[in-house]
C-alpha atoms as a PDB file:
ATOM      1  CA  MET A   1      16.260  -9.326  13.799  1.00  0.00           C
ATOM      2  CA  TYR A   2      18.587 -11.177  15.785  1.00  0.00           C
ATOM      3  CA  ASP A   3      17.347 -14.318  17.101  1.00  0.00           C
ATOM      4  CA  PHE A   4      17.789 -13.593  21.179  1.00  0.00           C
ATOM      5  CA  VAL A   5      15.719 -16.332  22.059  1.00  0.00           C
ATOM      6  CA  THR A   6      18.041 -18.870  20.661  1.00  0.00           C
ATOM      7  CA  GLN A   7      20.810 -17.060  22.318  1.00  0.00           C
ATOM      8  CA  TYR A   8      19.673 -16.188  25.338  1.00  0.00           C
ATOM      9  CA  GLY A   9      16.963 -18.758  26.002  1.00  0.00           C
ATOM     10  CA  PRO A  10      12.932 -17.494  26.017  1.00  0.00           C
ATOM     11  CA  LEU A  11      12.495 -15.123  28.947  1.00  0.00           C
ATOM     12  CA  TRP A  12      15.742 -12.797  28.351  1.00  0.00           C
ATOM     13  CA  GLY A  13      16.094 -13.831  24.582  1.00  0.00           C
ATOM     14  CA  THR A  14      12.147 -11.876  24.351  1.00  0.00           C
ATOM     15  CA  LEU A  15      13.434  -9.461  27.103  1.00  0.00           C
ATOM     16  CA  ALA A  16      16.490  -8.390  24.774  1.00  0.00           C
ATOM     17  CA  ALA A  17      14.038  -8.451  21.934  1.00  0.00           C
ATOM     18  CA  VAL A  18      11.484  -6.153  23.315  1.00  0.00           C
ATOM     19  CA  GLY A  19      14.737  -3.322  24.204  1.00  0.00           C
ATOM     20  CA  GLN A  20      15.660  -3.765  20.326  1.00  0.00           C
ATOM     21  CA  ILE A  21      12.067  -2.727  19.173  1.00  0.00           C
ATOM     22  CA  LEU A  22      12.032  -0.059  22.007  1.00  0.00           C
ATOM     23  CA  ALA A  23      15.219   1.206  21.392  1.00  0.00           C
ATOM     24  CA  PHE A  24      14.134   1.595  16.983  1.00  0.00           C
ATOM     25  CA  VAL A  25      10.887   3.267  18.364  1.00  0.00           C
ATOM     26  CA  ILE A  26      12.711   5.660  20.183  1.00  0.00           C
ATOM     27  CA  VAL A  27      15.168   6.384  17.489  1.00  0.00           C
ATOM     28  CA  LEU A  28      11.920   6.422  15.441  1.00  0.00           C
ATOM     29  CA  LEU A  29      10.328   9.357  17.365  1.00  0.00           C
ATOM     30  CA  LEU A  30      13.255  11.004  18.135  1.00  0.00           C
ATOM     31  CA  SER A  31      14.248  11.318  14.729  1.00  0.00           C
ATOM     32  CA  LEU A  32      10.603  12.409  13.434  1.00  0.00           C
ATOM     33  CA  ALA A  33      10.635  15.534  16.384  1.00  0.00           C
ATOM     34  CA  PHE A  34      13.517  16.889  14.327  1.00  0.00           C
ATOM     35  CA  LEU A  35      12.177  15.771  10.699  1.00  0.00           C
ATOM     36  CA  LEU A  36       9.202  17.780  11.446  1.00  0.00           C
ATOM     37  CA  LEU A  37      11.089  21.110  12.464  1.00  0.00           C
ATOM     38  CA  MET A  38      12.884  20.453   9.080  1.00  0.00           C
ATOM     39  CA  ASP A  39       9.607  20.294   7.391  1.00  0.00           C
ATOM     40  CA  ARG A  40       8.766  23.485   9.215  1.00  0.00           C
ATOM     41  CA  LYS A  41      12.140  24.709   8.097  1.00  0.00           C
ATOM     42  CA  VAL A  42      11.594  24.410   4.729  1.00  0.00           C
ATOM     43  CA  TRP A  43       8.361  25.752   4.338  1.00  0.00           C
ATOM     44  CA  ALA A  44       9.644  29.197   6.031  1.00  0.00           C
ATOM     45  CA  ALA A  45      12.502  29.365   3.607  1.00  0.00           C
ATOM     46  CA  VAL A  46      10.342  28.809   0.757  1.00  0.00           C
ATOM     47  CA  GLN A  47       8.037  31.469   2.084  1.00  0.00           C
ATOM     48  CA  MET A  48      11.096  34.005   3.098  1.00  0.00           C
ATOM     49  CA  ARG A  49      10.921  33.364   6.746  1.00  0.00           C
ATOM     50  CA  LYS A  50      12.485  32.198   9.741  1.00  0.00           C
ATOM     51  CA  GLY A  51      10.408  29.240  11.248  1.00  0.00           C
ATOM     52  CA  PRO A  52      11.200  28.156  14.419  1.00  0.00           C
ATOM     53  CA  ASN A  53      13.883  29.418  16.054  1.00  0.00           C
ATOM     54  CA  THR A  54      13.867  30.665  19.775  1.00  0.00           C
ATOM     55  CA  VAL A  55      13.275  26.962  21.770  1.00  0.00           C
ATOM     56  CA  GLY A  56      16.672  25.779  21.602  1.00  0.00           C
ATOM     57  CA  ALA A  57      19.531  26.525  19.506  1.00  0.00           C
ATOM     58  CA  PHE A  58      18.267  26.961  16.291  1.00  0.00           C
ATOM     59  CA  GLY A  59      15.115  26.560  17.543  1.00  0.00           C
ATOM     60  CA  LEU A  60      15.627  22.294  17.885  1.00  0.00           C
ATOM     61  CA  LEU A  61      13.780  21.379  20.789  1.00  0.00           C
ATOM     62  CA  GLN A  62      10.501  23.254  19.400  1.00  0.00           C
ATOM     63  CA  SER A  63       8.820  20.093  18.304  1.00  0.00           C
ATOM     64  CA  PHE A  64       9.484  18.539  21.840  1.00  0.00           C
ATOM     65  CA  ALA A  65       8.023  21.731  23.512  1.00  0.00           C
ATOM     66  CA  ASP A  66       4.840  21.064  21.717  1.00  0.00           C
ATOM     67  CA  PHE A  67       4.792  17.885  22.116  1.00  0.00           C
ATOM     68  CA  ILE A  68       5.112  18.961  25.397  1.00  0.00           C
ATOM     69  CA  LYS A  69       1.841  21.197  24.824  1.00  0.00           C
ATOM     70  CA  PHE A  70      -0.206  18.403  23.343  1.00  0.00           C
ATOM     71  CA  VAL A  71       0.211  15.963  26.557  1.00  0.00           C
ATOM     72  CA  LEU A  72      -0.470  19.096  29.046  1.00  0.00           C
ATOM     73  CA  LYS A  73      -3.965  19.908  26.940  1.00  0.00           C
ATOM     74  CA  GLU A  74      -7.409  18.678  28.114  1.00  0.00           C
ATOM     75  CA  ILE A  75      -8.332  16.270  26.318  1.00  0.00           C
ATOM     76  CA  ILE A  76     -12.458  17.513  24.844  1.00  0.00           C
ATOM     77  CA  VAL A  77     -14.846  14.756  23.409  1.00  0.00           C
ATOM     78  CA  PRO A  78     -17.947  16.128  21.995  1.00  0.00           C
ATOM     79  CA  ALA A  79     -21.029  15.818  23.510  1.00  0.00           C
ATOM     80  CA  GLY A  80     -22.357  13.791  21.110  1.00  0.00           C
ATOM     81  CA  ALA A  81     -19.701  11.801  19.818  1.00  0.00           C
ATOM     82  CA  ASP A  82     -19.300   7.741  20.547  1.00  0.00           C
ATOM     83  CA  ARG A  83     -16.472   8.761  23.115  1.00  0.00           C
ATOM     84  CA  PRO A  84     -15.135   4.894  22.964  1.00  0.00           C
ATOM     85  CA  LEU A  85     -14.393   5.301  18.964  1.00  0.00           C
ATOM     86  CA  PHE A  86     -13.385   8.529  19.081  1.00  0.00           C
ATOM     87  CA  LEU A  87     -10.255   7.945  21.324  1.00  0.00           C
ATOM     88  CA  LEU A  88      -9.697   4.861  19.580  1.00  0.00           C
ATOM     89  CA  ALA A  89      -9.462   5.683  15.771  1.00  0.00           C
ATOM     90  CA  PRO A  90      -6.456   8.096  16.723  1.00  0.00           C
ATOM     91  CA  LEU A  91      -4.925   4.782  18.574  1.00  0.00           C
ATOM     92  CA  LEU A  92      -5.078   2.939  16.040  1.00  0.00           C
ATOM     93  CA  THR A  93      -3.973   5.256  13.357  1.00  0.00           C
ATOM     94  CA  PHE A  94      -0.590   5.299  15.411  1.00  0.00           C
ATOM     95  CA  ILE A  95      -0.450   1.533  15.770  1.00  0.00           C
ATOM     96  CA  PHE A  96      -0.554   0.933  12.086  1.00  0.00           C
ATOM     97  CA  ALA A  97       1.955   3.482  11.039  1.00  0.00           C
ATOM     98  CA  PHE A  98       4.651   2.362  13.585  1.00  0.00           C
ATOM     99  CA  ILE A  99       4.147  -2.104  13.042  1.00  0.00           C
ATOM    100  CA  ALA A 100       4.516  -1.086   9.374  1.00  0.00           C
ATOM    101  CA  TRP A 101       7.962  -0.128   9.719  1.00  0.00           C
ATOM    102  CA  ALA A 102       8.353  -4.064  11.211  1.00  0.00           C
ATOM    103  CA  VAL A 103       9.973  -5.102   8.285  1.00  0.00           C
ATOM    104  CA  ILE A 104      12.062  -2.274   6.975  1.00  0.00           C
ATOM    105  CA  PRO A 105      15.729  -3.088   6.604  1.00  0.00           C
ATOM    106  CA  VAL A 106      17.651  -0.081   7.305  1.00  0.00           C
ATOM    107  CA  ALA A 107      20.938  -1.756   7.375  1.00  0.00           C
ATOM    108  CA  PRO A 108      22.582  -5.093   6.597  1.00  0.00           C
ATOM    109  CA  GLY A 109      20.515  -7.154   9.081  1.00  0.00           C
ATOM    110  CA  TRP A 110      18.910  -4.128  10.593  1.00  0.00           C
ATOM    111  CA  VAL A 111      15.672  -4.998  10.654  1.00  0.00           C
ATOM    112  CA  ILE A 112      12.765  -6.043  13.193  1.00  0.00           C
ATOM    113  CA  SER A 113      11.432  -8.510  10.988  1.00  0.00           C
ATOM    114  CA  ASP A 114      12.717  -9.974   8.017  1.00  0.00           C
ATOM    115  CA  ILE A 115      10.205 -12.425   6.761  1.00  0.00           C
ATOM    116  CA  ASN A 116      10.423 -13.568   3.093  1.00  0.00           C
ATOM    117  CA  VAL A 117       6.694 -11.238   2.451  1.00  0.00           C
ATOM    118  CA  GLY A 118       7.782  -8.070   3.331  1.00  0.00           C
ATOM    119  CA  ILE A 119       6.295  -6.273   0.458  1.00  0.00           C
ATOM    120  CA  LEU A 120       3.224  -7.760   0.618  1.00  0.00           C
ATOM    121  CA  TYR A 121       2.959  -7.004   4.920  1.00  0.00           C
ATOM    122  CA  VAL A 122       3.840  -3.204   4.229  1.00  0.00           C
ATOM    123  CA  PHE A 123       1.107  -3.311   1.216  1.00  0.00           C
ATOM    124  CA  ALA A 124      -1.540  -4.763   4.050  1.00  0.00           C
ATOM    125  CA  ILE A 125      -0.590  -2.339   6.825  1.00  0.00           C
ATOM    126  CA  SER A 126      -0.711   0.687   4.640  1.00  0.00           C
ATOM    127  CA  SER A 127      -4.433  -0.152   3.426  1.00  0.00           C
ATOM    128  CA  LEU A 128      -4.998  -0.398   7.168  1.00  0.00           C
ATOM    129  CA  GLY A 129      -4.364   2.867   8.256  1.00  0.00           C
ATOM    130  CA  VAL A 130      -7.235   4.245   6.059  1.00  0.00           C
ATOM    131  CA  TYR A 131      -9.518   3.106   9.364  1.00  0.00           C
ATOM    132  CA  GLY A 132      -8.687   4.826  12.161  1.00  0.00           C
ATOM    133  CA  ILE A 133      -9.633   8.320   9.620  1.00  0.00           C
ATOM    134  CA  ILE A 134     -13.131   6.910   8.633  1.00  0.00           C
ATOM    135  CA  ILE A 135     -13.619   5.991  12.833  1.00  0.00           C
ATOM    136  CA  GLY A 136     -12.031   9.154  13.878  1.00  0.00           C
ATOM    137  CA  GLY A 137     -14.797  10.754  11.193  1.00  0.00           C
ATOM    138  CA  TRP A 138     -17.331   9.318  11.651  1.00  0.00           C
ATOM    139  CA  ALA A 139     -17.290   8.591  15.945  1.00  0.00           C
ATOM    140  CA  SER A 140     -16.875  12.654  15.688  1.00  0.00           C
ATOM    141  CA  ASN A 141     -21.081  12.726  15.137  1.00  0.00           C
ATOM    142  CA  SER A 142     -20.132  15.847  12.744  1.00  0.00           C
ATOM    143  CA  LYS A 143     -20.527  16.456   9.291  1.00  0.00           C
ATOM    144  CA  TYR A 144     -17.607  18.089   7.982  1.00  0.00           C
ATOM    145  CA  PRO A 145     -15.245  15.573  10.088  1.00  0.00           C
ATOM    146  CA  PHE A 146     -17.538  12.844   8.415  1.00  0.00           C
ATOM    147  CA  LEU A 147     -17.037  14.288   4.863  1.00  0.00           C
ATOM    148  CA  GLY A 148     -13.317  14.536   5.077  1.00  0.00           C
ATOM    149  CA  SER A 149     -12.930  10.500   6.264  1.00  0.00           C
ATOM    150  CA  LEU A 150     -15.102   9.521   3.069  1.00  0.00           C
ATOM    151  CA  ARG A 151     -12.551  11.301   0.924  1.00  0.00           C
ATOM    152  CA  SER A 152      -9.867  10.090   2.445  1.00  0.00           C
ATOM    153  CA  ALA A 153     -11.032   6.595   1.963  1.00  0.00           C
ATOM    154  CA  ALA A 154     -11.388   7.212  -1.745  1.00  0.00           C
ATOM    155  CA  GLN A 155      -8.379   8.769  -1.962  1.00  0.00           C
ATOM    156  CA  MET A 156      -6.472   5.948  -0.268  1.00  0.00           C
ATOM    157  CA  VAL A 157      -8.353   3.044  -2.150  1.00  0.00           C
ATOM    158  CA  SER A 158      -7.712   4.862  -5.394  1.00  0.00           C
ATOM    159  CA  TYR A 159      -4.006   5.408  -4.805  1.00  0.00           C
ATOM    160  CA  GLU A 160      -3.320   2.209  -3.251  1.00  0.00           C
ATOM    161  CA  VAL A 161      -4.139   0.583  -6.499  1.00  0.00           C
ATOM    162  CA  SER A 162      -1.365   2.030  -7.890  1.00  0.00           C
ATOM    163  CA  ILE A 163       0.972   1.341  -5.177  1.00  0.00           C
ATOM    164  CA  GLY A 164       0.303  -2.205  -5.577  1.00  0.00           C
ATOM    165  CA  PHE A 165       1.013  -2.402  -9.369  1.00  0.00           C
ATOM    166  CA  VAL A 166       4.402  -0.536  -8.646  1.00  0.00           C
ATOM    167  CA  LEU A 167       5.112  -3.295  -6.183  1.00  0.00           C
ATOM    168  CA  VAL A 168       4.816  -6.109  -8.216  1.00  0.00           C
ATOM    169  CA  THR A 169       6.679  -4.714 -11.009  1.00  0.00           C
ATOM    170  CA  VAL A 170       9.880  -4.239  -8.309  1.00  0.00           C
ATOM    171  CA  LEU A 171       8.773  -7.742  -6.928  1.00  0.00           C
ATOM    172  CA  LEU A 172       9.247  -8.988 -10.444  1.00  0.00           C
ATOM    173  CA  MET A 173      12.348  -7.515 -11.633  1.00  0.00           C
ATOM    174  CA  VAL A 174      14.287  -8.907  -8.345  1.00  0.00           C
ATOM    175  CA  GLY A 175      12.147 -12.024  -7.896  1.00  0.00           C
ATOM    176  CA  SER A 176      11.675 -12.175  -3.889  1.00  0.00           C
ATOM    177  CA  MET A 177       9.111 -10.301  -1.849  1.00  0.00           C
ATOM    178  CA  ASN A 178      11.607 -10.043   1.454  1.00  0.00           C
ATOM    179  CA  LEU A 179      13.001  -6.386   1.159  1.00  0.00           C
ATOM    180  CA  THR A 180      16.328  -7.074   2.044  1.00  0.00           C
ATOM    181  CA  ALA A 181      16.586  -9.256  -0.660  1.00  0.00           C
ATOM    182  CA  VAL A 182      15.544  -6.341  -2.739  1.00  0.00           C
ATOM    183  CA  VAL A 183      17.800  -4.078  -1.394  1.00  0.00           C
ATOM    184  CA  ASP A 184      21.008  -6.693  -2.129  1.00  0.00           C
ATOM    185  CA  ALA A 185      20.245  -6.886  -5.445  1.00  0.00           C
ATOM    186  CA  GLN A 186      21.123  -3.543  -6.006  1.00  0.00           C
ATOM    187  CA  ALA A 187      24.396  -3.747  -4.401  1.00  0.00           C
ATOM    188  CA  GLY A 188      27.213  -2.193  -6.767  1.00  0.00           C
ATOM    189  CA  GLY A 189      25.499   0.415  -8.109  1.00  0.00           C
ATOM    190  CA  PHE A 190      23.248   1.952 -10.546  1.00  0.00           C
ATOM    191  CA  TRP A 191      20.395   0.374  -7.763  1.00  0.00           C
ATOM    192  CA  ASN A 192      17.405  -0.673  -9.817  1.00  0.00           C
ATOM    193  CA  TRP A 193      18.157   1.427 -12.729  1.00  0.00           C
ATOM    194  CA  HIS A 194      19.705   0.098 -14.403  1.00  0.00           C
ATOM    195  CA  LEU A 195      20.078  -4.120 -15.364  1.00  0.00           C
ATOM    196  CA  LEU A 196      17.821  -6.823 -13.759  1.00  0.00           C
ATOM    197  CA  SER A 197      18.833  -8.518 -11.543  1.00  0.00           C
ATOM    198  CA  ALA A 198      18.738 -12.515 -10.842  1.00  0.00           C
ATOM    199  CA  GLY A 199      20.430 -13.779 -13.667  1.00  0.00           C
ATOM    200  CA  MET A 200      17.902 -12.371 -15.935  1.00  0.00           C
ATOM    201  CA  LEU A 201      18.700 -10.782 -19.441  1.00  0.00           C
ATOM    202  CA  PRO A 202      19.667  -7.235 -18.770  1.00  0.00           C
ATOM    203  CA  TRP A 203      18.410  -4.509 -20.522  1.00  0.00           C
ATOM    204  CA  PRO A 204      17.857  -0.967 -19.732  1.00  0.00           C
ATOM    205  CA  ALA A 205      15.216  -1.265 -16.657  1.00  0.00           C
ATOM    206  CA  PHE A 206      15.409   2.277 -16.389  1.00  0.00           C
ATOM    207  CA  LEU A 207      12.918   2.213 -19.097  1.00  0.00           C
ATOM    208  CA  ILE A 208      10.224   1.014 -16.397  1.00  0.00           C
ATOM    209  CA  THR A 209      11.828   1.718 -13.344  1.00  0.00           C
ATOM    210  CA  ILE A 210      11.961   5.952 -13.759  1.00  0.00           C
ATOM    211  CA  PRO A 211       8.235   6.103 -14.648  1.00  0.00           C
ATOM    212  CA  MET A 212       7.493   3.539 -11.927  1.00  0.00           C
ATOM    213  CA  PHE A 213       8.872   5.446  -9.341  1.00  0.00           C
ATOM    214  CA  VAL A 214       7.497   8.798 -10.253  1.00  0.00           C
ATOM    215  CA  ILE A 215       4.358   6.747 -10.104  1.00  0.00           C
ATOM    216  CA  PHE A 216       4.821   5.722  -6.835  1.00  0.00           C
ATOM    217  CA  PHE A 217       6.152   9.006  -5.442  1.00  0.00           C
ATOM    218  CA  ILE A 218       3.427  11.237  -6.616  1.00  0.00           C
ATOM    219  CA  SER A 219       0.907   8.125  -5.478  1.00  0.00           C
ATOM    220  CA  ALA A 220       2.636   8.375  -2.213  1.00  0.00           C
ATOM    221  CA  LEU A 221       2.017  12.024  -1.778  1.00  0.00           C
ATOM    222  CA  ALA A 222      -1.839  11.011  -2.240  1.00  0.00           C
ATOM    223  CA  GLU A 223      -1.435   7.791   0.231  1.00  0.00           C
ATOM    224  CA  THR A 224      -0.403   9.886   2.875  1.00  0.00           C
ATOM    225  CA  ASN A 225      -2.541  13.151   2.606  1.00  0.00           C
ATOM    226  CA  ARG A 226       0.649  15.637   1.667  1.00  0.00           C
ATOM    227  CA  PRO A 227      -0.380  18.140  -0.543  1.00  0.00           C
ATOM    228  CA  PRO A 228      -1.239  18.730  -3.230  1.00  0.00           C
ATOM    229  CA  PHE A 229      -3.931  16.124  -2.391  1.00  0.00           C
ATOM    230  CA  ASP A 230      -4.903  17.015   1.310  1.00  0.00           C
ATOM    231  CA  LEU A 231      -8.603  17.169   0.049  1.00  0.00           C
ATOM    232  CA  PRO A 232      -9.372  14.825   3.218  1.00  0.00           C
ATOM    233  CA  GLU A 233      -8.173  17.714   5.690  1.00  0.00           C
ATOM    234  CA  ALA A 234      -8.612  20.953   3.089  1.00  0.00           C
ATOM    235  CA  GLU A 235      -9.539  24.204   5.620  1.00  0.00           C
ATOM    236  CA  SER A 236     -11.007  25.515   2.920  1.00  0.00           C
ATOM    237  CA  GLU A 237     -13.526  23.469   2.638  1.00  0.00           C
ATOM    238  CA  LEU A 238     -13.716  20.966   5.176  1.00  0.00           C
ATOM    239  CA  VAL A 239     -12.615  22.844   7.974  1.00  0.00           C
ATOM    240  CA  ALA A 240      -8.911  20.710   8.571  1.00  0.00           C
ATOM    241  CA  GLY A 241     -11.545  17.120   7.469  1.00  0.00           C
ATOM    242  CA  TYR A 242     -11.714  14.685   9.842  1.00  0.00           C
ATOM    243  CA  GLN A 243      -9.846  15.823  12.713  1.00  0.00           C
ATOM    244  CA  VAL A 244     -10.819  18.996  13.262  1.00  0.00           C
ATOM    245  CA  GLU A 245     -12.814  17.586  16.842  1.00  0.00           C
ATOM    246  CA  TYR A 246      -9.826  16.503  18.211  1.00  0.00           C
ATOM    247  CA  SER A 247      -7.321  18.196  20.554  1.00  0.00           C
ATOM    248  CA  SER A 248      -4.544  17.168  23.162  1.00  0.00           C
ATOM    249  CA  THR A 249      -3.295  13.921  22.806  1.00  0.00           C
ATOM    250  CA  PRO A 250      -5.671  12.348  20.096  1.00  0.00           C
ATOM    251  CA  TYR A 251      -4.532  14.957  18.150  1.00  0.00           C
ATOM    252  CA  LEU A 252      -0.492  14.713  18.336  1.00  0.00           C
ATOM    253  CA  LEU A 253      -1.310  10.752  17.631  1.00  0.00           C
ATOM    254  CA  PHE A 254      -3.088  11.444  14.136  1.00  0.00           C
ATOM    255  CA  MET A 255       0.027  14.108  13.765  1.00  0.00           C
ATOM    256  CA  ILE A 256       2.116  11.386  14.774  1.00  0.00           C
ATOM    257  CA  GLY A 257       0.821   8.541  12.184  1.00  0.00           C
ATOM    258  CA  GLU A 258       0.398  10.703   9.388  1.00  0.00           C
ATOM    259  CA  TYR A 259       4.443  12.074   9.988  1.00  0.00           C
ATOM    260  CA  LEU A 260       5.463   8.354  10.200  1.00  0.00           C
ATOM    261  CA  ASN A 261       3.632   7.097   6.787  1.00  0.00           C
ATOM    262  CA  ILE A 262       5.211   9.854   5.187  1.00  0.00           C
ATOM    263  CA  VAL A 263       8.607   8.942   6.779  1.00  0.00           C
ATOM    264  CA  LEU A 264       7.873   5.292   5.728  1.00  0.00           C
ATOM    265  CA  MET A 265       6.979   5.885   2.175  1.00  0.00           C
ATOM    266  CA  CYS A 266      10.364   8.022   2.081  1.00  0.00           C
ATOM    267  CA  ALA A 267      12.335   4.495   3.150  1.00  0.00           C
ATOM    268  CA  LEU A 268      10.112   2.671   0.477  1.00  0.00           C
ATOM    269  CA  MET A 269      11.333   4.456  -1.679  1.00  0.00           C
ATOM    270  CA  THR A 270      14.805   4.003  -0.679  1.00  0.00           C
ATOM    271  CA  VAL A 271      14.444   0.205  -0.508  1.00  0.00           C
ATOM    272  CA  LEU A 272      12.180  -0.063  -4.071  1.00  0.00           C
ATOM    273  CA  PHE A 273      14.424   2.142  -6.264  1.00  0.00           C
ATOM    274  CA  PHE A 274      17.396   3.945  -4.844  1.00  0.00           C
ATOM    275  CA  GLY A 275      19.682   0.901  -3.022  1.00  0.00           C
ATOM    276  CA  GLY A 276      18.702   0.511   0.880  1.00  0.00           C
ATOM    277  CA  TRP A 277      21.005   1.094   2.709  1.00  0.00           C
ATOM    278  CA  HIS A 278      24.010   0.813  -0.375  1.00  0.00           C
ATOM    279  CA  PRO A 279      26.293   3.802  -1.560  1.00  0.00           C
ATOM    280  CA  PRO A 280      25.665   5.256  -5.321  1.00  0.00           C
ATOM    281  CA  PHE A 281      29.126   3.930  -6.388  1.00  0.00           C
ATOM    282  CA  ASP A 282      30.412   0.727  -4.617  1.00  0.00           C
ATOM    283  CA  ILE A 283      33.971   2.632  -4.509  1.00  0.00           C
ATOM    284  CA  ALA A 284      35.515   4.820  -1.787  1.00  0.00           C
ATOM    285  CA  PRO A 285      35.458   7.207  -0.434  1.00  0.00           C
ATOM    286  CA  PHE A 286      31.305   6.014  -0.554  1.00  0.00           C
ATOM    287  CA  THR A 287      32.092   3.025   0.723  1.00  0.00           C
ATOM    288  CA  TRP A 288      33.570   4.624   4.050  1.00  0.00           C
ATOM    289  CA  ILE A 289      29.894   6.198   5.244  1.00  0.00           C
ATOM    290  CA  PRO A 290      28.107   3.183   7.521  1.00  0.00           C
ATOM    291  CA  PRO A 291      25.039   1.546   5.476  1.00  0.00           C
ATOM    292  CA  VAL A 292      22.593   3.082   8.208  1.00  0.00           C
ATOM    293  CA  VAL A 293      24.006   6.846   7.252  1.00  0.00           C
ATOM    294  CA  TRP A 294      23.512   6.032   3.569  1.00  0.00           C
ATOM    295  CA  PHE A 295      19.877   4.502   4.272  1.00  0.00           C
ATOM    296  CA  ALA A 296      19.105   8.272   6.614  1.00  0.00           C
ATOM    297  CA  ILE A 297      20.973  10.573   3.734  1.00  0.00           C
ATOM    298  CA  LYS A 298      18.159   9.092   1.421  1.00  0.00           C
ATOM    299  CA  VAL A 299      15.375   8.802   3.408  1.00  0.00           C
ATOM    300  CA  VAL A 300      16.044  12.763   4.375  1.00  0.00           C
ATOM    301  CA  PHE A 301      16.324  13.486   0.916  1.00  0.00           C
ATOM    302  CA  PHE A 302      13.127  11.798   0.176  1.00  0.00           C
ATOM    303  CA  PHE A 303      11.624  13.909   2.826  1.00  0.00           C
ATOM    304  CA  PHE A 304      12.560  16.853   1.435  1.00  0.00           C
ATOM    305  CA  MET A 305      11.342  16.221  -1.977  1.00  0.00           C
ATOM    306  CA  PHE A 306       7.912  15.955   0.187  1.00  0.00           C
ATOM    307  CA  ALA A 307       8.082  19.595   2.189  1.00  0.00           C
ATOM    308  CA  MET A 308       8.919  21.455  -1.193  1.00  0.00           C
ATOM    309  CA  VAL A 309       5.999  19.463  -2.751  1.00  0.00           C
ATOM    310  CA  LYS A 310       3.661  20.865  -0.579  1.00  0.00           C
ATOM    311  CA  ALA A 311       5.550  24.596  -0.666  1.00  0.00           C
ATOM    312  CA  LEU A 312       5.402  24.710  -3.858  1.00  0.00           C
ATOM    313  CA  VAL A 313       2.348  22.534  -5.795  1.00  0.00           C
ATOM    314  CA  PRO A 314      -1.504  24.353  -5.538  1.00  0.00           C
ATOM    315  CA  ARG A 315      -4.144  21.716  -4.097  1.00  0.00           C
ATOM    316  CA  TYR A 316      -5.450  19.977  -6.524  1.00  0.00           C
ATOM    317  CA  ARG A 317      -9.667  19.447  -7.544  1.00  0.00           C
ATOM    318  CA  TYR A 318     -10.712  16.017  -6.328  1.00  0.00           C
ATOM    319  CA  ASP A 319     -11.904  15.705  -9.853  1.00  0.00           C
ATOM    320  CA  GLN A 320      -8.353  15.720 -10.992  1.00  0.00           C
ATOM    321  CA  LEU A 321      -7.576  13.939  -8.325  1.00  0.00           C
ATOM    322  CA  MET A 322      -9.646  10.870  -8.819  1.00  0.00           C
ATOM    323  CA  ARG A 323      -8.675  11.212 -12.291  1.00  0.00           C
ATOM    324  CA  LEU A 324      -4.827  11.214 -11.957  1.00  0.00           C
ATOM    325  CA  GLY A 325      -5.217   7.929 -10.187  1.00  0.00           C
ATOM    326  CA  TRP A 326      -7.672   6.080 -12.220  1.00  0.00           C
ATOM    327  CA  LYS A 327      -7.355   7.218 -15.994  1.00  0.00           C
ATOM    328  CA  ILE A 328      -3.550   7.566 -15.814  1.00  0.00           C
ATOM    329  CA  PHE A 329      -1.731   5.983 -13.141  1.00  0.00           C
ATOM    330  CA  LEU A 330      -3.950   2.922 -13.095  1.00  0.00           C
ATOM    331  CA  PRO A 331      -3.479   2.449 -16.442  1.00  0.00           C
ATOM    332  CA  THR A 332       0.167   2.982 -16.952  1.00  0.00           C
ATOM    333  CA  SER A 333       1.427   0.945 -13.882  1.00  0.00           C
ATOM    334  CA  LEU A 334      -0.974  -2.143 -14.723  1.00  0.00           C
ATOM    335  CA  ALA A 335       1.211  -1.893 -18.777  1.00  0.00           C
ATOM    336  CA  ALA A 336       4.338  -1.427 -16.310  1.00  0.00           C
ATOM    337  CA  VAL A 337       3.614  -5.083 -14.794  1.00  0.00           C
ATOM    338  CA  ALA A 338       2.587  -6.321 -18.331  1.00  0.00           C
ATOM    339  CA  VAL A 339       5.765  -5.586 -19.623  1.00  0.00           C
ATOM    340  CA  MET A 340       7.903  -6.663 -17.157  1.00  0.00           C
ATOM    341  CA  GLY A 341       5.902  -9.900 -16.674  1.00  0.00           C
ATOM    342  CA  GLY A 342       7.090 -10.424 -20.234  1.00  0.00           C
ATOM    343  CA  PHE A 343      10.244  -9.637 -19.975  1.00  0.00           C
ATOM    344  CA  VAL A 344      10.667 -12.703 -17.175  1.00  0.00           C
ATOM    345  CA  VAL A 345       9.158 -15.063 -18.748  1.00  0.00           C
ATOM    346  CA  TYR A 346      11.373 -14.434 -21.972  1.00  0.00           C
ATOM    347  CA  SER A 347      14.393 -14.543 -19.742  1.00  0.00           C
ATOM    348  CA  ASN A 348      12.997 -17.798 -18.089  1.00  0.00           C
ATOM    349  CA  ALA A 349      12.618 -19.101 -21.421  1.00  0.00           C
ATOM    350  CA  GLY A 350      15.912 -18.311 -22.729  1.00  0.00           C
END
């Protein structure tokens, strides 16, 4: 982020920095509205139906109509609910989903806070997201929301371990926890799939990065409660789970938080494995496209993959979900960290 305070002084610099953050938030929310429409259109296409197509041209204003509907509806709080916590839970989910974006670089110099521990920051904030779901399920004072929130806690904790080891693998490969440095290390094509960077011995890194990417993609589905891992809100079992008692604006905040986390995972896959804003080949005409456009193209592609998984893959049982996380992903990602650490030590020794 540009140092406005040094350039314009404390007052105007702070106002300029706040304006930049608000602009980023507005662009993110507008992008989310059209990504949500894309999500619904993909499901409709797979099921051979039209999807939203009457509100605005081609249904482009459908997400905004839904937003107005949610805002104008009455907020209903169950009689036995803990009212302060009931209203605080969706707000926490919404806030944590937004502040995780502070360290995501979308183009050279286009990042709110370019801190040196960006990977650690994202991992810490994503871990806090479960609190909004747990509080919402408990504060509803109903058995089904509470069961849904407990499922979500167990699921998110289980798959965050695998995601953490994947992040450590990339950290060892690049030699930095700064996300901008991770992107810069992938310049020149091939991204993180070809050779180790930071002056290490060359070797086919894709032997590790391909399985790590697969683990990250599937773990991201579980982390964001997306199908086939939407067990916390399985309508056939838990009547929509932790958010069944919510309506109006609180429900909207839960939904926005969930989709922001989905897009965040798409952005992380872009940054960690697919070169961020860098083109696939550092030659024309690929270099003619602005960096931020490359970043957006990759994020939209991964969002499309999330939508296709929801449309095509049946829901897992809960025992299958836990077995996949603890018995397959955890040992595999731990072994990858050990192998990558060995190559780092060997390269430094050489």
